[in-house]
PDB file of N, CA and C in Angstrom:
ATOM      1  N   MET A   1      94.171  14.691   6.653  1.00  0.00           N
ATOM      2  CA  MET A   1      94.062  16.071   6.236  1.00  0.00           C
ATOM      3  C   MET A   1      93.067  16.139   5.079  1.00  0.00           C
ATOM      4  N   ASP A   2      92.065  16.999   5.224  1.00  0.00           N
ATOM      5  CA  ASP A   2      91.090  17.099   4.139  1.00  0.00           C
ATOM      6  C   ASP A   2      91.519  18.163   3.133  1.00  0.00           C
ATOM      7  N   SER A   3      90.773  18.251   2.045  1.00  0.00           N
ATOM      8  CA  SER A   3      91.150  19.159   0.952  1.00  0.00           C
ATOM      9  C   SER A   3      91.067  20.614   1.370  1.00  0.00           C
ATOM     10  N   ARG A   4      90.207  20.946   2.312  1.00  0.00           N
ATOM     11  CA  ARG A   4      90.103  22.339   2.775  1.00  0.00           C
ATOM     12  C   ARG A   4      91.387  22.764   3.498  1.00  0.00           C
ATOM     13  N   GLU A   5      91.932  21.881   4.319  1.00  0.00           N
ATOM     14  CA  GLU A   5      93.177  22.194   5.016  1.00  0.00           C
ATOM     15  C   GLU A   5      94.344  22.313   4.044  1.00  0.00           C
ATOM     16  N   VAL A   6      94.352  21.477   3.024  1.00  0.00           N
ATOM     17  CA  VAL A   6      95.408  21.539   2.014  1.00  0.00           C
ATOM     18  C   VAL A   6      95.326  22.864   1.264  1.00  0.00           C
ATOM     19  N   ARG A   7      94.127  23.260   0.864  1.00  0.00           N
ATOM     20  CA  ARG A   7      93.963  24.542   0.158  1.00  0.00           C
ATOM     21  C   ARG A   7      94.378  25.717   1.034  1.00  0.00           C
ATOM     22  N   ALA A   8      94.029  25.658   2.322  1.00  0.00           N
ATOM     23  CA  ALA A   8      94.415  26.729   3.242  1.00  0.00           C
ATOM     24  C   ALA A   8      95.936  26.797   3.374  1.00  0.00           C
ATOM     25  N   GLY A   9      96.583  25.641   3.440  1.00  0.00           N
ATOM     26  CA  GLY A   9      98.044  25.619   3.518  1.00  0.00           C
ATOM     27  C   GLY A   9      98.697  26.170   2.273  1.00  0.00           C
ATOM     28  N   ILE A  10      98.148  25.832   1.125  1.00  0.00           N
ATOM     29  CA  ILE A  10      98.689  26.351  -0.139  1.00  0.00           C
ATOM     30  C   ILE A  10      98.512  27.864  -0.208  1.00  0.00           C
ATOM     31  N   GLN A  11      97.352  28.360   0.203  1.00  0.00           N
ATOM     32  CA  GLN A  11      97.092  29.804   0.192  1.00  0.00           C
ATOM     33  C   GLN A  11      98.066  30.526   1.127  1.00  0.00           C
ATOM     34  N   GLN A  12      98.290  29.969   2.314  1.00  0.00           N
ATOM     35  CA  GLN A  12      99.226  30.568   3.264  1.00  0.00           C
ATOM     36  C   GLN A  12     100.638  30.587   2.689  1.00  0.00           C
ATOM     37  N   ALA A  13     101.034  29.524   2.023  1.00  0.00           N
ATOM     38  CA  ALA A  13     102.368  29.477   1.413  1.00  0.00           C
ATOM     39  C   ALA A  13     102.511  30.537   0.323  1.00  0.00           C
ATOM     40  N   GLU A  14     101.466  30.761  -0.457  1.00  0.00           N
ATOM     41  CA  GLU A  14     101.504  31.797  -1.498  1.00  0.00           C
ATOM     42  C   GLU A  14     101.657  33.189  -0.882  1.00  0.00           C
ATOM     43  N   GLN A  15     100.935  33.447   0.212  1.00  0.00           N
ATOM     44  CA  GLN A  15     101.055  34.746   0.885  1.00  0.00           C
ATOM     45  C   GLN A  15     102.456  34.928   1.449  1.00  0.00           C
ATOM     46  N   ASN A  16     102.999  33.888   2.045  1.00  0.00           N
ATOM     47  CA  ASN A  16     104.353  33.978   2.589  1.00  0.00           C
ATOM     48  C   ASN A  16     105.380  34.187   1.485  1.00  0.00           C
ATOM     49  N   LYS A  17     105.147  33.570   0.327  1.00  0.00           N
ATOM     50  CA  LYS A  17     106.061  33.728  -0.799  1.00  0.00           C
ATOM     51  C   LYS A  17     106.083  35.177  -1.275  1.00  0.00           C
ATOM     52  N   PHE A  18     104.914  35.831  -1.290  1.00  0.00           N
ATOM     53  CA  PHE A  18     104.857  37.247  -1.654  1.00  0.00           C
ATOM     54  C   PHE A  18     105.667  38.072  -0.664  1.00  0.00           C
ATOM     55  N   GLY A  19     105.496  37.798   0.636  1.00  0.00           N
ATOM     56  CA  GLY A  19     106.254  38.527   1.651  1.00  0.00           C
ATOM     57  C   GLY A  19     107.743  38.322   1.500  1.00  0.00           C
ATOM     58  N   LEU A  20     108.139  37.103   1.157  1.00  0.00           N
ATOM     59  CA  LEU A  20     109.557  36.805   0.962  1.00  0.00           C
ATOM     60  C   LEU A  20     110.115  37.580  -0.234  1.00  0.00           C
ATOM     61  N   GLY A  21     109.329  37.697  -1.298  1.00  0.00           N
ATOM     62  CA  GLY A  21     109.758  38.480  -2.462  1.00  0.00           C
ATOM     63  C   GLY A  21     109.912  39.951  -2.130  1.00  0.00           C
ATOM     64  N   LEU A  22     108.949  40.495  -1.390  1.00  0.00           N
ATOM     65  CA  LEU A  22     109.025  41.899  -1.004  1.00  0.00           C
ATOM     66  C   LEU A  22     110.202  42.144  -0.072  1.00  0.00           C
ATOM     67  N   PHE A  23     110.437  41.201   0.840  1.00  0.00           N
ATOM     68  CA  PHE A  23     111.587  41.315   1.737  1.00  0.00           C
ATOM     69  C   PHE A  23     112.891  41.324   0.945  1.00  0.00           C
ATOM     70  N   SER A  24     112.972  40.496  -0.079  1.00  0.00           N
ATOM     71  CA  SER A  24     114.181  40.448  -0.909  1.00  0.00           C
ATOM     72  C   SER A  24     114.422  41.783  -1.596  1.00  0.00           C
ATOM     73  N   ILE A  25     113.349  42.395  -2.064  1.00  0.00           N
ATOM     74  CA  ILE A  25     113.474  43.717  -2.701  1.00  0.00           C
ATOM     75  C   ILE A  25     113.948  44.745  -1.677  1.00  0.00           C
ATOM     76  N   GLU A  26     113.363  44.711  -0.476  1.00  0.00           N
ATOM     77  CA  GLU A  26     113.783  45.641   0.570  1.00  0.00           C
ATOM     78  C   GLU A  26     115.263  45.459   0.902  1.00  0.00           C
ATOM     79  N   ALA A  27     115.697  44.209   1.036  1.00  0.00           N
ATOM     80  CA  ALA A  27     117.099  43.937   1.357  1.00  0.00           C
ATOM     81  C   ALA A  27     118.016  44.437   0.241  1.00  0.00           C
ATOM     82  N   ALA A  28     117.607  44.261  -1.011  1.00  0.00           N
ATOM     83  CA  ALA A  28     118.416  44.731  -2.136  1.00  0.00           C
ATOM     84  C   ALA A  28     118.500  46.258  -2.143  1.00  0.00           C
ATOM     85  N   VAL A  29     117.389  46.922  -1.857  1.00  0.00           N
ATOM     86  CA  VAL A  29     117.392  48.389  -1.824  1.00  0.00           C
ATOM     87  C   VAL A  29     118.279  48.884  -0.679  1.00  0.00           C
ATOM     88  N   ILE A  30     118.159  48.259   0.481  1.00  0.00           N
ATOM     89  CA  ILE A  30     118.991  48.666   1.618  1.00  0.00           C
ATOM     90  C   ILE A  30     120.468  48.433   1.306  1.00  0.00           C
ATOM     91  N   GLY A  31     120.782  47.303   0.683  1.00  0.00           N
ATOM     92  CA  GLY A  31     122.164  47.053   0.277  1.00  0.00           C
ATOM     93  C   GLY A  31     122.654  48.085  -0.728  1.00  0.00           C
ATOM     94  N   GLY A  32     121.798  48.433  -1.683  1.00  0.00           N
ATOM     95  CA  GLY A  32     122.167  49.449  -2.673  1.00  0.00           C
ATOM     96  C   GLY A  32     122.388  50.812  -2.051  1.00  0.00           C
ATOM     97  N   VAL A  33     121.504  51.198  -1.135  1.00  0.00           N
ATOM     98  CA  VAL A  33     121.651  52.492  -0.459  1.00  0.00           C
ATOM     99  C   VAL A  33     122.905  52.502   0.408  1.00  0.00           C
ATOM    100  N   ALA A  34     123.167  51.401   1.107  1.00  0.00           N
ATOM    101  CA  ALA A  34     124.380  51.332   1.936  1.00  0.00           C
ATOM    102  C   ALA A  34     125.632  51.440   1.070  1.00  0.00           C
ATOM    103  N   GLY A  35     125.637  50.744  -0.066  1.00  0.00           N
ATOM    104  CA  GLY A  35     126.780  50.820  -0.974  1.00  0.00           C
ATOM    105  C   GLY A  35     126.947  52.199  -1.570  1.00  0.00           C
ATOM    106  N   TRP A  36     125.839  52.828  -1.937  1.00  0.00           N
ATOM    107  CA  TRP A  36     125.896  54.178  -2.513  1.00  0.00           C
ATOM    108  C   TRP A  36     126.383  55.175  -1.469  1.00  0.00           C
ATOM    109  N   ALA A  37     125.850  55.066  -0.228  1.00  0.00           N
ATOM    110  CA  ALA A  37     126.239  56.001   0.828  1.00  0.00           C
ATOM    111  C   ALA A  37     127.721  55.850   1.182  1.00  0.00           C
ATOM    112  N   ALA A  38     128.212  54.614   1.151  1.00  0.00           N
ATOM    113  CA  ALA A  38     129.621  54.378   1.485  1.00  0.00           C
ATOM    114  C   ALA A  38     130.535  54.562   0.282  1.00  0.00           C
ATOM    115  N   GLY A  39     129.949  54.611  -0.913  1.00  0.00           N
ATOM    116  CA  GLY A  39     130.756  54.754  -2.114  1.00  0.00           C
ATOM    117  C   GLY A  39     131.504  53.480  -2.478  1.00  0.00           C
ATOM    118  N   SER A  40     130.954  52.342  -2.047  1.00  0.00           N
ATOM    119  CA  SER A  40     131.638  51.084  -2.281  1.00  0.00           C
ATOM    120  C   SER A  40     130.629  49.995  -2.634  1.00  0.00           C
ATOM    121  N   PHE A  41     130.899  49.331  -3.746  1.00  0.00           N
ATOM    122  CA  PHE A  41     130.055  48.214  -4.171  1.00  0.00           C
ATOM    123  C   PHE A  41     130.114  47.076  -3.154  1.00  0.00           C
ATOM    124  N   LEU A  42     131.295  46.827  -2.612  1.00  0.00           N
ATOM    125  CA  LEU A  42     131.479  45.738  -1.653  1.00  0.00           C
ATOM    126  C   LEU A  42     130.680  45.960  -0.373  1.00  0.00           C
ATOM    127  N   VAL A  43     130.567  47.215   0.068  1.00  0.00           N
ATOM    128  CA  VAL A  43     129.761  47.509   1.260  1.00  0.00           C
ATOM    129  C   VAL A  43     128.296  47.181   0.990  1.00  0.00           C
ATOM    130  N   GLY A  44     127.806  47.529  -0.188  1.00  0.00           N
ATOM    131  CA  GLY A  44     126.427  47.217  -0.551  1.00  0.00           C
ATOM    132  C   GLY A  44     126.161  45.727  -0.595  1.00  0.00           C
ATOM    133  N   VAL A  45     127.079  44.980  -1.196  1.00  0.00           N
ATOM    134  CA  VAL A  45     126.925  43.528  -1.270  1.00  0.00           C
ATOM    135  C   VAL A  45     126.995  42.924   0.128  1.00  0.00           C
ATOM    136  N   ALA A  46     127.922  43.410   0.947  1.00  0.00           N
ATOM    137  CA  ALA A  46     128.050  42.898   2.313  1.00  0.00           C
ATOM    138  C   ALA A  46     126.792  43.200   3.128  1.00  0.00           C
ATOM    139  N   ALA A  47     126.225  44.380   2.952  1.00  0.00           N
ATOM    140  CA  ALA A  47     124.993  44.732   3.668  1.00  0.00           C
ATOM    141  C   ALA A  47     123.851  43.817   3.238  1.00  0.00           C
ATOM    142  N   PHE A  48     123.728  43.566   1.938  1.00  0.00           N
ATOM    143  CA  PHE A  48     122.666  42.695   1.438  1.00  0.00           C
ATOM    144  C   PHE A  48     122.834  41.269   1.963  1.00  0.00           C
ATOM    145  N   VAL A  49     124.024  40.715   1.812  1.00  0.00           N
ATOM    146  CA  VAL A  49     124.277  39.337   2.246  1.00  0.00           C
ATOM    147  C   VAL A  49     124.118  39.225   3.761  1.00  0.00           C
ATOM    148  N   GLY A  50     124.615  40.193   4.494  1.00  0.00           N
ATOM    149  CA  GLY A  50     124.487  40.173   5.949  1.00  0.00           C
ATOM    150  C   GLY A  50     123.044  40.248   6.397  1.00  0.00           C
ATOM    151  N   LEU A  51     122.256  41.083   5.732  1.00  0.00           N
ATOM    152  CA  LEU A  51     120.841  41.210   6.075  1.00  0.00           C
ATOM    153  C   LEU A  51     120.086  39.920   5.799  1.00  0.00           C
ATOM    154  N   VAL A  52     120.340  39.316   4.665  1.00  0.00           N
ATOM    155  CA  VAL A  52     119.665  38.059   4.318  1.00  0.00           C
ATOM    156  C   VAL A  52     120.100  36.937   5.271  1.00  0.00           C
ATOM    157  N   ALA A  53     121.389  36.853   5.567  1.00  0.00           N
ATOM    158  CA  ALA A  53     121.880  35.804   6.470  1.00  0.00           C
ATOM    159  C   ALA A  53     121.318  35.986   7.876  1.00  0.00           C
ATOM    160  N   MET A  54     121.334  37.218   8.365  1.00  0.00           N
ATOM    161  CA  MET A  54     120.814  37.485   9.700  1.00  0.00           C
ATOM    162  C   MET A  54     119.317  37.173   9.771  1.00  0.00           C
ATOM    163  N   SER A  55     118.584  37.523   8.735  1.00  0.00           N
ATOM    164  CA  SER A  55     117.151  37.251   8.701  1.00  0.00           C
ATOM    165  C   SER A  55     116.878  35.762   8.684  1.00  0.00           C
ATOM    166  N   SER A  56     117.667  35.025   7.951  1.00  0.00           N
ATOM    167  CA  SER A  56     117.487  33.571   7.888  1.00  0.00           C
ATOM    168  C   SER A  56     117.745  32.924   9.238  1.00  0.00           C
ATOM    169  N   ILE A  57     118.730  33.417   9.962  1.00  0.00           N
ATOM    170  CA  ILE A  57     119.033  32.874  11.290  1.00  0.00           C
ATOM    171  C   ILE A  57     117.933  33.247  12.282  1.00  0.00           C
ATOM    172  N   ILE A  58     117.490  34.504  12.240  1.00  0.00           N
ATOM    173  CA  ILE A  58     116.460  34.961  13.173  1.00  0.00           C
ATOM    174  C   ILE A  58     115.130  34.278  12.897  1.00  0.00           C
ATOM    175  N   ALA A  59     114.857  33.945  11.643  1.00  0.00           N
ATOM    176  CA  ALA A  59     113.571  33.344  11.281  1.00  0.00           C
ATOM    177  C   ALA A  59     113.334  32.004  11.969  1.00  0.00           C
ATOM    178  N   LYS A  60     114.382  31.361  12.427  1.00  0.00           N
ATOM    179  CA  LYS A  60     114.231  30.072  13.110  1.00  0.00           C
ATOM    180  C   LYS A  60     113.571  30.219  14.478  1.00  0.00           C
ATOM    181  N   HIS A  61     113.618  31.408  15.050  1.00  0.00           N
ATOM    182  CA  HIS A  61     113.050  31.674  16.375  1.00  0.00           C
ATOM    183  C   HIS A  61     111.850  32.602  16.202  1.00  0.00           C
ATOM    184  N   GLU A  62     110.656  32.063  16.346  1.00  0.00           N
ATOM    185  CA  GLU A  62     109.448  32.794  15.984  1.00  0.00           C
ATOM    186  C   GLU A  62     109.279  34.095  16.761  1.00  0.00           C
ATOM    187  N   GLU A  63     109.558  34.090  18.054  1.00  0.00           N
ATOM    188  CA  GLU A  63     109.364  35.302  18.845  1.00  0.00           C
ATOM    189  C   GLU A  63     110.304  36.408  18.379  1.00  0.00           C
ATOM    190  N   TYR A  64     111.571  36.072  18.183  1.00  0.00           N
ATOM    191  CA  TYR A  64     112.529  37.064  17.712  1.00  0.00           C
ATOM    192  C   TYR A  64     112.213  37.516  16.296  1.00  0.00           C
ATOM    193  N   ALA A  65     111.714  36.603  15.488  1.00  0.00           N
ATOM    194  CA  ALA A  65     111.378  36.936  14.105  1.00  0.00           C
ATOM    195  C   ALA A  65     110.266  37.974  14.048  1.00  0.00           C
ATOM    196  N   GLN A  66     109.291  37.865  14.945  1.00  0.00           N
ATOM    197  CA  GLN A  66     108.200  38.847  14.970  1.00  0.00           C
ATOM    198  C   GLN A  66     108.743  40.241  15.317  1.00  0.00           C
ATOM    199  N   TYR A  67     109.588  40.317  16.339  1.00  0.00           N
ATOM    200  CA  TYR A  67     110.180  41.598  16.722  1.00  0.00           C
ATOM    201  C   TYR A  67     111.042  42.162  15.595  1.00  0.00           C
ATOM    202  N   TYR A  68     111.834  41.300  14.987  1.00  0.00           N
ATOM    203  CA  TYR A  68     112.713  41.719  13.898  1.00  0.00           C
ATOM    204  C   TYR A  68     111.888  42.267  12.734  1.00  0.00           C
ATOM    205  N   ALA A  69     110.803  41.569  12.388  1.00  0.00           N
ATOM    206  CA  ALA A  69     109.955  42.002  11.280  1.00  0.00           C
ATOM    207  C   ALA A  69     109.325  43.360  11.571  1.00  0.00           C
ATOM    208  N   ILE A  70     108.894  43.566  12.803  1.00  0.00           N
ATOM    209  CA  ILE A  70     108.278  44.846  13.166  1.00  0.00           C
ATOM    210  C   ILE A  70     109.312  45.967  13.113  1.00  0.00           C
ATOM    211  N   VAL A  71     110.475  45.750  13.695  1.00  0.00           N
ATOM    212  CA  VAL A  71     111.519  46.782  13.695  1.00  0.00           C
ATOM    213  C   VAL A  71     111.983  47.071  12.267  1.00  0.00           C
ATOM    214  N   PHE A  72     112.157  46.025  11.470  1.00  0.00           N
ATOM    215  CA  PHE A  72     112.600  46.208  10.087  1.00  0.00           C
ATOM    216  C   PHE A  72     111.546  46.971   9.283  1.00  0.00           C
ATOM    217  N   GLY A  73     110.263  46.655   9.478  1.00  0.00           N
ATOM    218  CA  GLY A  73     109.193  47.365   8.776  1.00  0.00           C
ATOM    219  C   GLY A  73     109.112  48.828   9.170  1.00  0.00           C
ATOM    220  N   ILE A  74     109.264  49.106  10.456  1.00  0.00           N
ATOM    221  CA  ILE A  74     109.257  50.495  10.918  1.00  0.00           C
ATOM    222  C   ILE A  74     110.455  51.240  10.326  1.00  0.00           C
ATOM    223  N   ALA A  75     111.601  50.584  10.269  1.00  0.00           N
ATOM    224  CA  ALA A  75     112.796  51.214   9.684  1.00  0.00           C
ATOM    225  C   ALA A  75     112.570  51.542   8.208  1.00  0.00           C
ATOM    226  N   VAL A  76     111.909  50.642   7.482  1.00  0.00           N
ATOM    227  CA  VAL A  76     111.620  50.910   6.071  1.00  0.00           C
ATOM    228  C   VAL A  76     110.676  52.101   5.951  1.00  0.00           C
ATOM    229  N   GLY A  77     109.667  52.190   6.810  1.00  0.00           N
ATOM    230  CA  GLY A  77     108.755  53.340   6.803  1.00  0.00           C
ATOM    231  C   GLY A  77     109.477  54.640   7.100  1.00  0.00           C
ATOM    232  N   ILE A  78     110.390  54.603   8.060  1.00  0.00           N
ATOM    233  CA  ILE A  78     111.167  55.800   8.399  1.00  0.00           C
ATOM    234  C   ILE A  78     112.055  56.201   7.228  1.00  0.00           C
ATOM    235  N   MET A  79     112.685  55.212   6.582  1.00  0.00           N
ATOM    236  CA  MET A  79     113.523  55.526   5.417  1.00  0.00           C
ATOM    237  C   MET A  79     112.692  56.133   4.291  1.00  0.00           C
ATOM    238  N   CYS A  80     111.479  55.629   4.088  1.00  0.00           N
ATOM    239  CA  CYS A  80     110.612  56.202   3.046  1.00  0.00           C
ATOM    240  C   CYS A  80     110.234  57.637   3.391  1.00  0.00           C
ATOM    241  N   GLY A  81     109.928  57.909   4.657  1.00  0.00           N
ATOM    242  CA  GLY A  81     109.625  59.274   5.085  1.00  0.00           C
ATOM    243  C   GLY A  81     110.814  60.196   4.924  1.00  0.00           C
ATOM    244  N   TRP A  82     112.002  59.704   5.267  1.00  0.00           N
ATOM    245  CA  TRP A  82     113.208  60.503   5.108  1.00  0.00           C
ATOM    246  C   TRP A  82     113.463  60.806   3.640  1.00  0.00           C
ATOM    247  N   TRP A  83     113.286  59.777   2.804  1.00  0.00           N
ATOM    248  CA  TRP A  83     113.511  59.971   1.374  1.00  0.00           C
ATOM    249  C   TRP A  83     112.500  60.958   0.793  1.00  0.00           C
ATOM    250  N   ALA A  84     111.240  60.864   1.225  1.00  0.00           N
ATOM    251  CA  ALA A  84     110.216  61.800   0.741  1.00  0.00           C
ATOM    252  C   ALA A  84     110.557  63.225   1.148  1.00  0.00           C
ATOM    253  N   SER A  85     111.057  63.414   2.376  1.00  0.00           N
ATOM    254  CA  SER A  85     111.420  64.760   2.799  1.00  0.00           C
ATOM    255  C   SER A  85     112.641  65.272   2.047  1.00  0.00           C
ATOM    256  N   ARG A  86     113.567  64.384   1.703  1.00  0.00           N
ATOM    257  CA  ARG A  86     114.736  64.797   0.915  1.00  0.00           C
ATOM    258  C   ARG A  86     114.360  65.193  -0.497  1.00  0.00           C
ATOM    259  N   MET A  87     113.272  64.592  -1.008  1.00  0.00           N
ATOM    260  CA  MET A  87     112.809  64.907  -2.361  1.00  0.00           C
ATOM    261  C   MET A  87     111.961  66.176  -2.377  1.00  0.00           C
ATOM    262  N   GLY A  88     111.766  66.800  -1.215  1.00  0.00           N
ATOM    263  CA  GLY A  88     111.046  68.057  -1.141  1.00  0.00           C
ATOM    264  C   GLY A  88     109.574  67.918  -0.819  1.00  0.00           C
ATOM    265  N   ALA A  89     109.124  66.750  -0.473  1.00  0.00           N
ATOM    266  CA  ALA A  89     107.714  66.560  -0.124  1.00  0.00           C
ATOM    267  C   ALA A  89     107.501  67.024   1.311  1.00  0.00           C
ATOM    268  N   GLU A  90     106.676  68.040   1.472  1.00  0.00           N
ATOM    269  CA  GLU A  90     106.435  68.578   2.803  1.00  0.00           C
ATOM    270  C   GLU A  90     104.982  68.457   3.218  1.00  0.00           C
ATOM    271  N   ASP A  91     104.151  67.874   2.385  1.00  0.00           N
ATOM    272  CA  ASP A  91     102.741  67.757   2.733  1.00  0.00           C
ATOM    273  C   ASP A  91     102.492  66.484   3.534  1.00  0.00           C
ATOM    274  N   GLY A  92     101.347  66.419   4.167  1.00  0.00           N
ATOM    275  CA  GLY A  92     101.007  65.280   4.995  1.00  0.00           C
ATOM    276  C   GLY A  92     100.770  64.008   4.203  1.00  0.00           C
ATOM    277  N   THR A  93     100.397  64.155   2.928  1.00  0.00           N
ATOM    278  CA  THR A  93     100.121  62.974   2.116  1.00  0.00           C
ATOM    279  C   THR A  93     101.370  62.116   1.952  1.00  0.00           C
ATOM    280  N   SER A  94     102.495  62.745   1.709  1.00  0.00           N
ATOM    281  CA  SER A  94     103.735  61.990   1.528  1.00  0.00           C
ATOM    282  C   SER A  94     104.112  61.233   2.792  1.00  0.00           C
ATOM    283  N   MET A  95     103.942  61.861   3.930  1.00  0.00           N
ATOM    284  CA  MET A  95     104.248  61.184   5.186  1.00  0.00           C
ATOM    285  C   MET A  95     103.229  60.076   5.458  1.00  0.00           C
ATOM    286  N   GLY A  96     101.983  60.296   5.076  1.00  0.00           N
ATOM    287  CA  GLY A  96     100.970  59.248   5.209  1.00  0.00           C
ATOM    288  C   GLY A  96     101.308  58.040   4.349  1.00  0.00           C
ATOM    289  N   VAL A  97     101.783  58.290   3.140  1.00  0.00           N
ATOM    290  CA  VAL A  97     102.192  57.195   2.258  1.00  0.00           C
ATOM    291  C   VAL A  97     103.395  56.466   2.860  1.00  0.00           C
ATOM    292  N   ALA A  98     104.326  57.209   3.435  1.00  0.00           N
ATOM    293  CA  ALA A  98     105.488  56.584   4.073  1.00  0.00           C
ATOM    294  C   ALA A  98     105.049  55.694   5.233  1.00  0.00           C
ATOM    295  N   MET A  99     104.070  56.162   6.026  1.00  0.00           N
ATOM    296  CA  MET A  99     103.568  55.333   7.129  1.00  0.00           C
ATOM    297  C   MET A  99     102.866  54.094   6.597  1.00  0.00           C
ATOM    298  N   LEU A 100     102.122  54.244   5.501  1.00  0.00           N
ATOM    299  CA  LEU A 100     101.451  53.098   4.898  1.00  0.00           C
ATOM    300  C   LEU A 100     102.473  52.075   4.401  1.00  0.00           C
ATOM    301  N   VAL A 101     103.540  52.567   3.789  1.00  0.00           N
ATOM    302  CA  VAL A 101     104.613  51.671   3.336  1.00  0.00           C
ATOM    303  C   VAL A 101     105.207  50.923   4.525  1.00  0.00           C
ATOM    304  N   GLY A 102     105.385  51.608   5.646  1.00  0.00           N
ATOM    305  CA  GLY A 102     105.911  50.964   6.839  1.00  0.00           C
ATOM    306  C   GLY A 102     104.997  49.869   7.353  1.00  0.00           C
ATOM    307  N   VAL A 103     103.675  50.129   7.365  1.00  0.00           N
ATOM    308  CA  VAL A 103     102.714  49.129   7.842  1.00  0.00           C
ATOM    309  C   VAL A 103     102.687  47.917   6.906  1.00  0.00           C
ATOM    310  N   VAL A 104     102.668  48.172   5.601  1.00  0.00           N
ATOM    311  CA  VAL A 104     102.688  47.072   4.635  1.00  0.00           C
ATOM    312  C   VAL A 104     103.983  46.283   4.767  1.00  0.00           C
ATOM    313  N   SER A 105     105.069  46.985   4.999  1.00  0.00           N
ATOM    314  CA  SER A 105     106.363  46.322   5.159  1.00  0.00           C
ATOM    315  C   SER A 105     106.376  45.424   6.396  1.00  0.00           C
ATOM    316  N   VAL A 106     105.766  45.861   7.479  1.00  0.00           N
ATOM    317  CA  VAL A 106     105.703  45.018   8.683  1.00  0.00           C
ATOM    318  C   VAL A 106     104.973  43.720   8.370  1.00  0.00           C
ATOM    319  N   GLY A 107     103.812  43.826   7.727  1.00  0.00           N
ATOM    320  CA  GLY A 107     103.045  42.626   7.375  1.00  0.00           C
ATOM    321  C   GLY A 107     103.794  41.713   6.428  1.00  0.00           C
ATOM    322  N   ALA A 108     104.416  42.304   5.423  1.00  0.00           N
ATOM    323  CA  ALA A 108     105.169  41.495   4.457  1.00  0.00           C
ATOM    324  C   ALA A 108     106.380  40.839   5.119  1.00  0.00           C
ATOM    325  N   ASN A 109     107.023  41.549   6.036  1.00  0.00           N
ATOM    326  CA  ASN A 109     108.187  40.974   6.705  1.00  0.00           C
ATOM    327  C   ASN A 109     107.798  39.839   7.648  1.00  0.00           C
ATOM    328  N   ILE A 110     106.642  39.947   8.286  1.00  0.00           N
ATOM    329  CA  ILE A 110     106.164  38.847   9.122  1.00  0.00           C
ATOM    330  C   ILE A 110     105.919  37.618   8.247  1.00  0.00           C
ATOM    331  N   ALA A 111     105.292  37.835   7.082  1.00  0.00           N
ATOM    332  CA  ALA A 111     105.070  36.714   6.155  1.00  0.00           C
ATOM    333  C   ALA A 111     106.404  36.154   5.657  1.00  0.00           C
ATOM    334  N   ALA A 112     107.366  37.025   5.404  1.00  0.00           N
ATOM    335  CA  ALA A 112     108.679  36.560   4.944  1.00  0.00           C
ATOM    336  C   ALA A 112     109.373  35.733   6.014  1.00  0.00           C
ATOM    337  N   MET A 113     109.252  36.148   7.270  1.00  0.00           N
ATOM    338  CA  MET A 113     109.863  35.373   8.353  1.00  0.00           C
ATOM    339  C   MET A 113     109.219  33.988   8.444  1.00  0.00           C
ATOM    340  N   ARG A 114     107.900  33.927   8.262  1.00  0.00           N
ATOM    341  CA  ARG A 114     107.219  32.628   8.269  1.00  0.00           C
ATOM    342  C   ARG A 114     107.706  31.759   7.112  1.00  0.00           C
ATOM    343  N   ALA A 115     107.863  32.371   5.943  1.00  0.00           N
ATOM    344  CA  ALA A 115     108.331  31.606   4.784  1.00  0.00           C
ATOM    345  C   ALA A 115     109.745  31.093   5.018  1.00  0.00           C
ATOM    346  N   MET A 116     110.613  31.933   5.572  1.00  0.00           N
ATOM    347  CA  MET A 116     111.980  31.487   5.851  1.00  0.00           C
ATOM    348  C   MET A 116     111.993  30.383   6.896  1.00  0.00           C
ATOM    349  N   ARG A 117     111.140  30.531   7.920  1.00  0.00           N
ATOM    350  CA  ARG A 117     111.059  29.486   8.942  1.00  0.00           C
ATOM    351  C   ARG A 117     110.593  28.172   8.323  1.00  0.00           C
ATOM    352  N   ASP A 118     109.585  28.244   7.441  1.00  0.00           N
ATOM    353  CA  ASP A 118     109.097  27.037   6.774  1.00  0.00           C
ATOM    354  C   ASP A 118     110.178  26.413   5.905  1.00  0.00           C
ATOM    355  N   LEU A 119     110.922  27.245   5.189  1.00  0.00           N
ATOM    356  CA  LEU A 119     112.000  26.721   4.349  1.00  0.00           C
ATOM    357  C   LEU A 119     113.095  26.083   5.202  1.00  0.00           C
ATOM    358  N   ASN A 120     113.453  26.727   6.297  1.00  0.00           N
ATOM    359  CA  ASN A 120     114.461  26.161   7.199  1.00  0.00           C
ATOM    360  C   ASN A 120     113.966  24.851   7.806  1.00  0.00           C
ATOM    361  N   HIS A 121     112.689  24.811   8.167  1.00  0.00           N
ATOM    362  CA  HIS A 121     112.120  23.608   8.765  1.00  0.00           C
ATOM    363  C   HIS A 121     112.107  22.449   7.764  1.00  0.00           C
ATOM    364  N   ASN A 122     111.745  22.744   6.524  1.00  0.00           N
ATOM    365  CA  ASN A 122     111.698  21.695   5.491  1.00  0.00           C
ATOM    366  C   ASN A 122     113.086  21.178   5.144  1.00  0.00           C
ATOM    367  N   ASN A 123     114.101  22.007   5.266  1.00  0.00           N
ATOM    368  CA  ASN A 123     115.459  21.572   4.945  1.00  0.00           C
ATOM    369  C   ASN A 123     116.050  20.666   6.014  1.00  0.00           C
ATOM    370  N   HIS A 124     115.491  20.694   7.216  1.00  0.00           N
ATOM    371  CA  HIS A 124     116.047  19.907   8.314  1.00  0.00           C
ATOM    372  C   HIS A 124     115.267  18.620   8.567  1.00  0.00           C
ATOM    373  N   ARG A 125     114.418  18.216   7.660  1.00  0.00           N
ATOM    374  CA  ARG A 125     113.658  16.973   7.826  1.00  0.00           C
ATOM    375  C   ARG A 125     114.438  15.805   7.303  1.00  0.00           C
TER     376      ARG A 125
END
């Protein structure tokens, strides 16, 4: 392996780490919203832990992980659009921003799935 391949691998790991961080924030927000909507702290914690556990299991299967990341990113975009409409935003800019958040979320979630897969792979060596 030459130094160029090593640098490329390090760069890819850094990008995946960013996606994993963003995914963690998304999972925490979803857990918080679930707990707030249900009026129970335990529901929020269960939603967060369940989401992280399910994602870790799905990340082992690359094909399913891609689908999961896309669906999860679209769901985040829809939630952002719903939240913007609840806050009284009725212009197209707010919905455009919500769609942009959804697209960024899809990319970040794909990177997060790769990072989780890499972490799972390294733990089983």
